[in-house]
C-alpha atoms as a PDB file:
ATOM      1  CA  UNK A   1      -3.006 211.219 232.920  1.00  0.00           C
ATOM      2  CA  UNK A   2      -4.491 211.123 229.425  1.00  0.00           C
ATOM      3  CA  UNK A   3      -2.646 207.851 228.701  1.00  0.00           C
ATOM      4  CA  UNK A   4      -3.998 206.319 231.878  1.00  0.00           C
ATOM      5  CA  UNK A   5      -7.489 207.341 230.777  1.00  0.00           C
ATOM      6  CA  UNK A   6      -7.018 205.612 227.418  1.00  0.00           C
ATOM      7  CA  UNK A   7      -5.632 202.560 229.210  1.00  0.00           C
ATOM      8  CA  UNK A   8      -8.685 202.351 231.472  1.00  0.00           C
ATOM      9  CA  UNK A   9     -10.998 202.883 228.497  1.00  0.00           C
ATOM     10  CA  UNK A  10      -9.257 200.014 226.713  1.00  0.00           C
ATOM     11  CA  UNK A  11      -9.667 197.703 229.709  1.00  0.00           C
ATOM     12  CA  UNK A  12     -13.369 198.517 230.042  1.00  0.00           C
ATOM     13  CA  UNK A  13     -13.903 197.868 226.359  1.00  0.00           C
ATOM     14  CA  UNK A  14     -11.718 194.772 226.432  1.00  0.00           C
ATOM     15  CA  UNK A  15     -13.731 193.129 229.199  1.00  0.00           C
ATOM     16  CA  UNK A  16     -16.848 193.405 227.053  1.00  0.00           C
ATOM     17  CA  UNK A  17     -14.961 192.115 224.028  1.00  0.00           C
ATOM     18  CA  UNK A  18     -13.804 189.106 226.031  1.00  0.00           C
ATOM     19  CA  UNK A  19     -17.412 188.104 226.709  1.00  0.00           C
ATOM     20  CA  UNK A  20     -18.236 188.606 223.029  1.00  0.00           C
ATOM     21  CA  UNK A  21     -15.468 186.192 221.988  1.00  0.00           C
ATOM     22  CA  UNK A  22     -15.456 183.580 224.777  1.00  0.00           C
ATOM     23  CA  UNK A  23     -18.441 181.613 223.444  1.00  0.00           C
ATOM     24  CA  UNK A  24     -17.105 181.769 219.887  1.00  0.00           C
ATOM     25  CA  UNK A  25     -13.752 180.444 221.077  1.00  0.00           C
ATOM     26  CA  UNK A  26     -15.404 177.665 223.098  1.00  0.00           C
ATOM     27  CA  UNK A  27     -17.377 176.346 220.112  1.00  0.00           C
ATOM     28  CA  UNK A  28     -14.421 176.650 217.761  1.00  0.00           C
ATOM     29  CA  UNK A  29     -12.007 174.945 220.136  1.00  0.00           C
ATOM     30  CA  UNK A  30     -14.266 172.065 221.223  1.00  0.00           C
ATOM     31  CA  UNK A  31     -16.242 171.338 218.052  1.00  0.00           C
ATOM     32  CA  UNK A  32     -13.817 172.673 215.403  1.00  0.00           C
ATOM     33  CA  UNK A  33     -16.690 174.750 214.024  1.00  0.00           C
ATOM     34  CA  UNK A  34     -16.379 178.400 213.032  1.00  0.00           C
ATOM     35  CA  UNK A  35     -19.845 179.499 214.098  1.00  0.00           C
ATOM     36  CA  UNK A  36     -20.853 182.240 211.684  1.00  0.00           C
ATOM     37  CA  UNK A  37     -24.111 182.729 213.615  1.00  0.00           C
ATOM     38  CA  UNK A  38     -22.270 184.079 216.640  1.00  0.00           C
ATOM     39  CA  UNK A  39     -22.667 187.734 215.626  1.00  0.00           C
ATOM     40  CA  UNK A  40     -26.388 187.226 215.001  1.00  0.00           C
ATOM     41  CA  UNK A  41     -26.763 185.655 218.467  1.00  0.00           C
ATOM     42  CA  UNK A  42     -25.124 188.755 219.976  1.00  0.00           C
ATOM     43  CA  UNK A  43     -27.544 191.039 218.141  1.00  0.00           C
ATOM     44  CA  UNK A  44     -30.509 188.900 219.188  1.00  0.00           C
ATOM     45  CA  UNK A  45     -29.421 189.157 222.823  1.00  0.00           C
ATOM     46  CA  UNK A  46     -29.179 192.921 222.414  1.00  0.00           C
ATOM     47  CA  UNK A  47     -32.700 193.090 220.969  1.00  0.00           C
ATOM     48  CA  UNK A  48     -34.085 191.004 223.840  1.00  0.00           C
ATOM     49  CA  UNK A  49     -32.545 193.457 226.292  1.00  0.00           C
ATOM     50  CA  UNK A  50     -33.758 196.453 224.295  1.00  0.00           C
ATOM     51  CA  UNK A  51     -37.378 195.354 224.037  1.00  0.00           C
ATOM     52  CA  UNK A  52     -37.416 194.089 227.628  1.00  0.00           C
ATOM     53  CA  UNK A  53     -36.478 197.592 228.731  1.00  0.00           C
ATOM     54  CA  UNK A  54     -38.751 199.485 226.317  1.00  0.00           C
ATOM     55  CA  UNK A  55     -41.830 197.323 226.875  1.00  0.00           C
ATOM     56  CA  UNK A  56     -41.435 196.137 230.466  1.00  0.00           C
ATOM     57  CA  UNK A  57     -38.863 198.452 232.049  1.00  0.00           C
ATOM     58  CA  UNK A  58     -36.407 195.616 232.772  1.00  0.00           C
ATOM     59  CA  UNK A  59     -32.863 196.949 233.078  1.00  0.00           C
ATOM     60  CA  UNK A  60     -30.573 195.436 230.409  1.00  0.00           C
ATOM     61  CA  UNK A  61     -28.217 194.131 233.079  1.00  0.00           C
ATOM     62  CA  UNK A  62     -31.061 191.938 234.358  1.00  0.00           C
ATOM     63  CA  UNK A  63     -31.763 190.795 230.799  1.00  0.00           C
ATOM     64  CA  UNK A  64     -28.383 189.057 230.685  1.00  0.00           C
ATOM     65  CA  UNK A  65     -29.965 185.972 232.258  1.00  0.00           C
ATOM     66  CA  UNK A  66     -33.172 185.900 230.182  1.00  0.00           C
ATOM     67  CA  UNK A  67     -31.371 186.592 226.902  1.00  0.00           C
ATOM     68  CA  UNK A  68     -28.744 183.964 227.690  1.00  0.00           C
ATOM     69  CA  UNK A  69     -31.310 181.302 228.555  1.00  0.00           C
ATOM     70  CA  UNK A  70     -33.509 181.973 225.512  1.00  0.00           C
ATOM     71  CA  UNK A  71     -30.731 182.063 222.930  1.00  0.00           C
ATOM     72  CA  UNK A  72     -28.869 179.232 224.674  1.00  0.00           C
ATOM     73  CA  UNK A  73     -31.958 177.006 224.377  1.00  0.00           C
ATOM     74  CA  UNK A  74     -32.311 177.989 220.718  1.00  0.00           C
ATOM     75  CA  UNK A  75     -28.645 177.181 220.157  1.00  0.00           C
ATOM     76  CA  UNK A  76     -29.093 173.747 221.736  1.00  0.00           C
ATOM     77  CA  UNK A  77     -31.998 172.955 219.389  1.00  0.00           C
ATOM     78  CA  UNK A  78     -30.156 174.264 216.322  1.00  0.00           C
ATOM     79  CA  UNK A  79     -27.124 172.150 217.100  1.00  0.00           C
ATOM     80  CA  UNK A  80     -29.050 168.939 217.858  1.00  0.00           C
ATOM     81  CA  UNK A  81     -31.400 169.322 214.916  1.00  0.00           C
ATOM     82  CA  UNK A  82     -29.142 170.698 212.171  1.00  0.00           C
ATOM     83  CA  UNK A  83     -25.454 171.197 212.925  1.00  0.00           C
ATOM     84  CA  UNK A  84     -24.995 167.813 214.611  1.00  0.00           C
ATOM     85  CA  UNK A  85     -25.577 166.197 211.215  1.00  0.00           C
ATOM     86  CA  UNK A  86     -22.342 167.643 209.840  1.00  0.00           C
ATOM     87  CA  UNK A  87     -20.111 167.579 212.940  1.00  0.00           C
ATOM     88  CA  UNK A  88     -16.873 165.879 211.994  1.00  0.00           C
ATOM     89  CA  UNK A  89     -17.119 166.969 208.371  1.00  0.00           C
ATOM     90  CA  UNK A  90     -14.463 169.246 206.838  1.00  0.00           C
ATOM     91  CA  UNK A  91     -14.412 172.765 208.267  1.00  0.00           C
ATOM     92  CA  UNK A  92     -15.646 174.199 204.966  1.00  0.00           C
ATOM     93  CA  UNK A  93     -18.886 172.183 205.275  1.00  0.00           C
ATOM     94  CA  UNK A  94     -19.705 173.425 208.780  1.00  0.00           C
ATOM     95  CA  UNK A  95     -18.568 176.928 207.852  1.00  0.00           C
ATOM     96  CA  UNK A  96     -20.949 176.992 204.884  1.00  0.00           C
ATOM     97  CA  UNK A  97     -23.835 175.590 206.941  1.00  0.00           C
ATOM     98  CA  UNK A  98     -23.490 178.119 209.772  1.00  0.00           C
ATOM     99  CA  UNK A  99     -23.024 180.903 207.213  1.00  0.00           C
ATOM    100  CA  UNK A 100     -26.292 179.911 205.541  1.00  0.00           C
ATOM    101  CA  UNK A 101     -28.083 179.779 208.888  1.00  0.00           C
ATOM    102  CA  UNK A 102     -26.646 183.198 209.745  1.00  0.00           C
ATOM    103  CA  UNK A 103     -27.980 184.632 206.486  1.00  0.00           C
ATOM    104  CA  UNK A 104     -31.455 183.285 207.258  1.00  0.00           C
ATOM    105  CA  UNK A 105     -31.338 184.621 210.822  1.00  0.00           C
ATOM    106  CA  UNK A 106     -29.964 188.002 209.766  1.00  0.00           C
ATOM    107  CA  UNK A 107     -32.591 188.488 207.077  1.00  0.00           C
ATOM    108  CA  UNK A 108     -35.305 187.488 209.545  1.00  0.00           C
ATOM    109  CA  UNK A 109     -34.049 190.187 211.924  1.00  0.00           C
ATOM    110  CA  UNK A 110     -33.965 192.750 209.113  1.00  0.00           C
ATOM    111  CA  UNK A 111     -37.552 191.856 208.269  1.00  0.00           C
ATOM    112  CA  UNK A 112     -38.688 191.975 211.892  1.00  0.00           C
ATOM    113  CA  UNK A 113     -36.634 194.870 213.273  1.00  0.00           C
ATOM    114  CA  UNK A 114     -35.503 196.777 210.127  1.00  0.00           C
ATOM    115  CA  UNK A 115     -31.916 197.995 209.777  1.00  0.00           C
ATOM    116  CA  UNK A 116     -32.474 201.055 211.996  1.00  0.00           C
ATOM    117  CA  UNK A 117     -30.005 201.434 214.838  1.00  0.00           C
ATOM    118  CA  UNK A 118     -31.385 201.208 218.355  1.00  0.00           C
ATOM    119  CA  UNK A 119     -29.771 201.799 221.729  1.00  0.00           C
ATOM    120  CA  UNK A 120     -31.080 201.508 225.259  1.00  0.00           C
ATOM    121  CA  UNK A 121     -31.478 205.032 226.629  1.00  0.00           C
ATOM    122  CA  UNK A 122     -31.894 204.619 230.362  1.00  0.00           C
ATOM    123  CA  UNK A 123     -34.514 206.826 231.999  1.00  0.00           C
ATOM    124  CA  UNK A 124     -32.018 207.275 234.836  1.00  0.00           C
ATOM    125  CA  UNK A 125     -28.536 207.349 233.293  1.00  0.00           C
ATOM    126  CA  UNK A 126     -25.838 205.698 235.353  1.00  0.00           C
ATOM    127  CA  UNK A 127     -23.539 208.685 234.948  1.00  0.00           C
ATOM    128  CA  UNK A 128     -19.766 208.957 235.192  1.00  0.00           C
ATOM    129  CA  UNK A 129     -17.486 208.496 238.181  1.00  0.00           C
ATOM    130  CA  UNK A 130     -14.651 210.998 238.593  1.00  0.00           C
ATOM    131  CA  UNK A 131     -11.884 209.092 240.391  1.00  0.00           C
ATOM    132  CA  UNK A 132      -8.727 211.132 240.926  1.00  0.00           C
ATOM    133  CA  UNK A 133      -8.992 212.690 237.495  1.00  0.00           C
ATOM    134  CA  UNK A 134     -10.069 209.486 235.760  1.00  0.00           C
ATOM    135  CA  UNK A 135     -13.536 209.446 234.263  1.00  0.00           C
ATOM    136  CA  UNK A 136     -15.258 206.055 234.443  1.00  0.00           C
ATOM    137  CA  UNK A 137     -18.588 205.676 232.607  1.00  0.00           C
ATOM    138  CA  UNK A 138     -20.583 203.558 235.030  1.00  0.00           C
ATOM    139  CA  UNK A 139     -22.512 201.814 232.256  1.00  0.00           C
ATOM    140  CA  UNK A 140     -19.243 200.462 230.843  1.00  0.00           C
ATOM    141  CA  UNK A 141     -17.930 199.613 234.293  1.00  0.00           C
ATOM    142  CA  UNK A 142     -21.087 197.655 235.061  1.00  0.00           C
ATOM    143  CA  UNK A 143     -21.050 195.957 231.640  1.00  0.00           C
ATOM    144  CA  UNK A 144     -17.424 194.916 232.070  1.00  0.00           C
ATOM    145  CA  UNK A 145     -18.035 193.586 235.596  1.00  0.00           C
ATOM    146  CA  UNK A 146     -21.001 191.498 234.445  1.00  0.00           C
ATOM    147  CA  UNK A 147     -19.085 190.309 231.376  1.00  0.00           C
ATOM    148  CA  UNK A 148     -16.224 189.045 233.539  1.00  0.00           C
ATOM    149  CA  UNK A 149     -18.760 187.450 235.914  1.00  0.00           C
ATOM    150  CA  UNK A 150     -20.349 185.536 233.012  1.00  0.00           C
ATOM    151  CA  UNK A 151     -16.939 184.371 231.800  1.00  0.00           C
ATOM    152  CA  UNK A 152     -15.925 183.243 235.295  1.00  0.00           C
ATOM    153  CA  UNK A 153     -19.201 181.340 235.743  1.00  0.00           C
ATOM    154  CA  UNK A 154     -18.637 179.419 232.512  1.00  0.00           C
ATOM    155  CA  UNK A 155     -14.976 178.832 233.349  1.00  0.00           C
ATOM    156  CA  UNK A 156     -15.876 177.384 236.754  1.00  0.00           C
ATOM    157  CA  UNK A 157     -18.615 175.273 235.185  1.00  0.00           C
ATOM    158  CA  UNK A 158     -16.078 173.804 232.766  1.00  0.00           C
ATOM    159  CA  UNK A 159     -13.737 172.913 235.589  1.00  0.00           C
ATOM    160  CA  UNK A 160     -16.115 171.708 238.295  1.00  0.00           C
ATOM    161  CA  UNK A 161     -19.340 170.402 236.769  1.00  0.00           C
ATOM    162  CA  UNK A 162     -19.778 166.959 235.230  1.00  0.00           C
ATOM    163  CA  UNK A 163     -20.872 168.299 231.853  1.00  0.00           C
ATOM    164  CA  UNK A 164     -18.022 170.807 231.990  1.00  0.00           C
ATOM    165  CA  UNK A 165     -15.486 168.036 232.487  1.00  0.00           C
ATOM    166  CA  UNK A 166     -17.120 166.148 229.617  1.00  0.00           C
ATOM    167  CA  UNK A 167     -16.670 169.203 227.376  1.00  0.00           C
ATOM    168  CA  UNK A 168     -13.001 169.434 228.318  1.00  0.00           C
ATOM    169  CA  UNK A 169     -12.536 165.684 227.751  1.00  0.00           C
ATOM    170  CA  UNK A 170     -14.094 165.905 224.287  1.00  0.00           C
ATOM    171  CA  UNK A 171     -11.874 168.898 223.555  1.00  0.00           C
ATOM    172  CA  UNK A 172      -8.781 166.869 224.396  1.00  0.00           C
ATOM    173  CA  UNK A 173      -9.710 163.583 222.703  1.00  0.00           C
ATOM    174  CA  UNK A 174     -13.193 162.915 221.338  1.00  0.00           C
ATOM    175  CA  UNK A 175     -12.650 159.211 220.690  1.00  0.00           C
ATOM    176  CA  UNK A 176     -11.197 158.510 224.137  1.00  0.00           C
ATOM    177  CA  UNK A 177     -14.020 160.458 225.794  1.00  0.00           C
ATOM    178  CA  UNK A 178     -16.589 158.444 223.840  1.00  0.00           C
ATOM    179  CA  UNK A 179     -14.959 155.183 224.939  1.00  0.00           C
ATOM    180  CA  UNK A 180     -15.224 156.388 228.542  1.00  0.00           C
ATOM    181  CA  UNK A 181     -19.007 156.773 228.171  1.00  0.00           C
ATOM    182  CA  UNK A 182     -19.301 160.462 227.308  1.00  0.00           C
ATOM    183  CA  UNK A 183     -22.297 161.267 225.094  1.00  0.00           C
ATOM    184  CA  UNK A 184     -20.426 163.277 222.469  1.00  0.00           C
ATOM    185  CA  UNK A 185     -23.544 164.460 220.593  1.00  0.00           C
ATOM    186  CA  UNK A 186     -25.096 165.810 223.802  1.00  0.00           C
ATOM    187  CA  UNK A 187     -21.791 167.369 224.845  1.00  0.00           C
ATOM    188  CA  UNK A 188     -21.511 169.159 221.520  1.00  0.00           C
ATOM    189  CA  UNK A 189     -25.078 170.451 221.869  1.00  0.00           C
ATOM    190  CA  UNK A 190     -24.375 171.786 225.374  1.00  0.00           C
ATOM    191  CA  UNK A 191     -21.144 173.389 224.132  1.00  0.00           C
ATOM    192  CA  UNK A 192     -22.973 175.133 221.311  1.00  0.00           C
ATOM    193  CA  UNK A 193     -25.705 176.222 223.727  1.00  0.00           C
ATOM    194  CA  UNK A 194     -23.076 177.699 226.065  1.00  0.00           C
ATOM    195  CA  UNK A 195     -21.533 179.596 223.173  1.00  0.00           C
ATOM    196  CA  UNK A 196     -24.936 180.972 222.140  1.00  0.00           C
ATOM    197  CA  UNK A 197     -25.763 181.837 225.755  1.00  0.00           C
ATOM    198  CA  UNK A 198     -22.545 183.813 226.196  1.00  0.00           C
ATOM    199  CA  UNK A 199     -23.133 185.606 222.902  1.00  0.00           C
ATOM    200  CA  UNK A 200     -26.644 186.652 223.954  1.00  0.00           C
ATOM    201  CA  UNK A 201     -25.428 187.737 227.392  1.00  0.00           C
ATOM    202  CA  UNK A 202     -22.752 189.859 225.729  1.00  0.00           C
ATOM    203  CA  UNK A 203     -25.423 191.310 223.444  1.00  0.00           C
ATOM    204  CA  UNK A 204     -27.548 192.362 226.414  1.00  0.00           C
ATOM    205  CA  UNK A 205     -24.533 194.203 227.818  1.00  0.00           C
ATOM    206  CA  UNK A 206     -23.656 195.702 224.435  1.00  0.00           C
ATOM    207  CA  UNK A 207     -27.133 197.244 224.151  1.00  0.00           C
ATOM    208  CA  UNK A 208     -26.265 199.661 226.972  1.00  0.00           C
ATOM    209  CA  UNK A 209     -22.983 200.774 225.409  1.00  0.00           C
ATOM    210  CA  UNK A 210     -23.371 200.636 221.610  1.00  0.00           C
ATOM    211  CA  UNK A 211     -26.239 201.096 219.119  1.00  0.00           C
ATOM    212  CA  UNK A 212     -27.375 197.771 217.700  1.00  0.00           C
ATOM    213  CA  UNK A 213     -28.834 196.716 214.368  1.00  0.00           C
ATOM    214  CA  UNK A 214     -28.966 193.433 212.429  1.00  0.00           C
ATOM    215  CA  UNK A 215     -26.132 194.746 210.248  1.00  0.00           C
ATOM    216  CA  UNK A 216     -23.776 195.032 213.259  1.00  0.00           C
ATOM    217  CA  UNK A 217     -23.652 191.256 213.669  1.00  0.00           C
ATOM    218  CA  UNK A 218     -20.799 190.989 211.169  1.00  0.00           C
ATOM    219  CA  UNK A 219     -18.804 193.589 213.103  1.00  0.00           C
ATOM    220  CA  UNK A 220     -19.121 191.616 216.337  1.00  0.00           C
ATOM    221  CA  UNK A 221     -18.264 188.384 214.524  1.00  0.00           C
ATOM    222  CA  UNK A 222     -15.121 189.984 213.112  1.00  0.00           C
ATOM    223  CA  UNK A 223     -14.046 191.142 216.563  1.00  0.00           C
ATOM    224  CA  UNK A 224     -14.674 187.665 217.985  1.00  0.00           C
ATOM    225  CA  UNK A 225     -12.517 186.128 215.272  1.00  0.00           C
ATOM    226  CA  UNK A 226      -9.656 188.572 215.895  1.00  0.00           C
ATOM    227  CA  UNK A 227      -9.817 188.012 219.653  1.00  0.00           C
ATOM    228  CA  UNK A 228      -9.760 184.221 219.276  1.00  0.00           C
ATOM    229  CA  UNK A 229      -6.682 184.337 217.088  1.00  0.00           C
ATOM    230  CA  UNK A 230      -5.016 186.873 219.391  1.00  0.00           C
ATOM    231  CA  UNK A 231      -5.696 184.914 222.575  1.00  0.00           C
ATOM    232  CA  UNK A 232      -5.728 181.358 221.272  1.00  0.00           C
ATOM    233  CA  UNK A 233      -8.617 179.217 220.087  1.00  0.00           C
ATOM    234  CA  UNK A 234     -10.400 177.077 222.680  1.00  0.00           C
ATOM    235  CA  UNK A 235      -9.067 178.874 225.741  1.00  0.00           C
ATOM    236  CA  UNK A 236     -11.366 180.902 227.995  1.00  0.00           C
ATOM    237  CA  UNK A 237      -8.332 182.620 229.507  1.00  0.00           C
ATOM    238  CA  UNK A 238      -7.109 183.285 225.976  1.00  0.00           C
ATOM    239  CA  UNK A 239     -10.408 184.964 225.102  1.00  0.00           C
ATOM    240  CA  UNK A 240      -9.986 187.274 228.104  1.00  0.00           C
ATOM    241  CA  UNK A 241      -6.382 188.054 227.144  1.00  0.00           C
ATOM    242  CA  UNK A 242      -7.325 188.611 223.506  1.00  0.00           C
ATOM    243  CA  UNK A 243     -10.315 190.774 224.423  1.00  0.00           C
ATOM    244  CA  UNK A 244      -8.257 193.005 226.678  1.00  0.00           C
ATOM    245  CA  UNK A 245      -5.519 193.208 224.051  1.00  0.00           C
ATOM    246  CA  UNK A 246      -8.005 194.240 221.363  1.00  0.00           C
ATOM    247  CA  UNK A 247      -9.623 196.785 223.665  1.00  0.00           C
ATOM    248  CA  UNK A 248      -6.253 198.384 224.396  1.00  0.00           C
ATOM    249  CA  UNK A 249      -5.242 198.295 220.724  1.00  0.00           C
ATOM    250  CA  UNK A 250      -8.432 200.051 219.681  1.00  0.00           C
ATOM    251  CA  UNK A 251      -8.177 202.596 222.476  1.00  0.00           C
ATOM    252  CA  UNK A 252      -4.572 203.621 221.818  1.00  0.00           C
ATOM    253  CA  UNK A 253      -4.917 203.096 218.069  1.00  0.00           C
ATOM    254  CA  UNK A 254      -7.862 205.472 218.038  1.00  0.00           C
ATOM    255  CA  UNK A 255      -5.797 208.018 219.960  1.00  0.00           C
ATOM    256  CA  UNK A 256      -2.774 207.774 217.638  1.00  0.00           C
ATOM    257  CA  UNK A 257      -4.360 207.297 214.218  1.00  0.00           C
ATOM    258  CA  UNK A 258      -8.004 208.224 214.689  1.00  0.00           C
ATOM    259  CA  UNK A 259     -10.958 205.990 215.596  1.00  0.00           C
ATOM    260  CA  UNK A 260     -11.571 205.070 211.950  1.00  0.00           C
ATOM    261  CA  UNK A 261      -8.216 203.231 211.854  1.00  0.00           C
ATOM    262  CA  UNK A 262      -8.503 201.431 215.197  1.00  0.00           C
ATOM    263  CA  UNK A 263      -9.868 198.205 213.717  1.00  0.00           C
ATOM    264  CA  UNK A 264      -7.364 198.316 210.848  1.00  0.00           C
ATOM    265  CA  UNK A 265      -4.543 198.492 213.382  1.00  0.00           C
ATOM    266  CA  UNK A 266      -5.896 195.467 215.252  1.00  0.00           C
ATOM    267  CA  UNK A 267      -5.956 193.441 212.024  1.00  0.00           C
ATOM    268  CA  UNK A 268      -2.373 194.486 211.263  1.00  0.00           C
ATOM    269  CA  UNK A 269      -1.296 193.255 214.691  1.00  0.00           C
ATOM    270  CA  UNK A 270      -3.273 190.076 214.016  1.00  0.00           C
ATOM    271  CA  UNK A 271      -1.276 189.432 210.832  1.00  0.00           C
ATOM    272  CA  UNK A 272       2.001 189.936 212.691  1.00  0.00           C
ATOM    273  CA  UNK A 273       0.891 187.563 215.451  1.00  0.00           C
ATOM    274  CA  UNK A 274      -0.181 184.917 212.927  1.00  0.00           C
ATOM    275  CA  UNK A 275       3.282 185.120 211.379  1.00  0.00           C
ATOM    276  CA  UNK A 276       5.314 184.757 214.568  1.00  0.00           C
ATOM    277  CA  UNK A 277       2.930 183.041 217.028  1.00  0.00           C
ATOM    278  CA  UNK A 278       0.026 181.406 215.162  1.00  0.00           C
ATOM    279  CA  UNK A 279      -1.292 179.750 218.350  1.00  0.00           C
ATOM    280  CA  UNK A 280      -2.079 183.156 219.850  1.00  0.00           C
ATOM    281  CA  UNK A 281      -1.059 184.576 223.210  1.00  0.00           C
ATOM    282  CA  UNK A 282      -2.370 181.646 225.254  1.00  0.00           C
ATOM    283  CA  UNK A 283      -3.216 179.037 222.656  1.00  0.00           C
ATOM    284  CA  UNK A 284      -2.943 175.508 224.068  1.00  0.00           C
ATOM    285  CA  UNK A 285      -4.428 172.119 223.378  1.00  0.00           C
ATOM    286  CA  UNK A 286      -7.301 171.956 225.833  1.00  0.00           C
ATOM    287  CA  UNK A 287      -8.117 174.166 228.828  1.00  0.00           C
ATOM    288  CA  UNK A 288      -5.981 175.343 231.669  1.00  0.00           C
END
């Protein structure tokens, strides 16, 4: 039964990880930009949820929408005003630009919030469900369910909405999409906004489960990178597969080697996967 418990813990953690990485994968796959600000967007979403609860009593699960909209709008403006000027340049140029913007954003958060760790402590804890000997923390269950709901909403938007089809078309062939009348600059801005929105939504969910601080942004960014390579860049389904895989690796790795080695194990598996299957578990050209 103990192994089943670790398996369930890994799935609950993996669902949250999938939401953390899905927006990062979307931006990387469509725009060929490694968005170094992604971790900072997650932390900002967590702070919005934290202060919404502390100051106004809004449950963090309800802050998923407000955090996503606010950071998504900010992401749209950042892309249109700054990043759009270097889209199409070598990856090192966009990498350096987003890294510089992340440093500015991270230092602004350190100045405004300090480096102290904060966590949402609910006045009425959600408790734990005992289901046939399995213990399910309801905060993690709720966070995973909402994370999967956010991912499914974006996935359906990519498949069924006009702007979603434009994003997919640009992902496949930017020049052909432009010849067909797609506004590539606007599509890139919407893509970046979606990535920022998903990061902030994940941050709001993270605030219930983990302590947050400006310095944790790099940790979330590292996990997003590992998940994208595990699952395949540019694939929403790949982000889900990679997130679940990382959650299970950390859960069982923590059991076998201790929690301090869980992340090291995931990076070792990442190196093996890069050697034998560099596209990741579900890496494809475009979206399924």
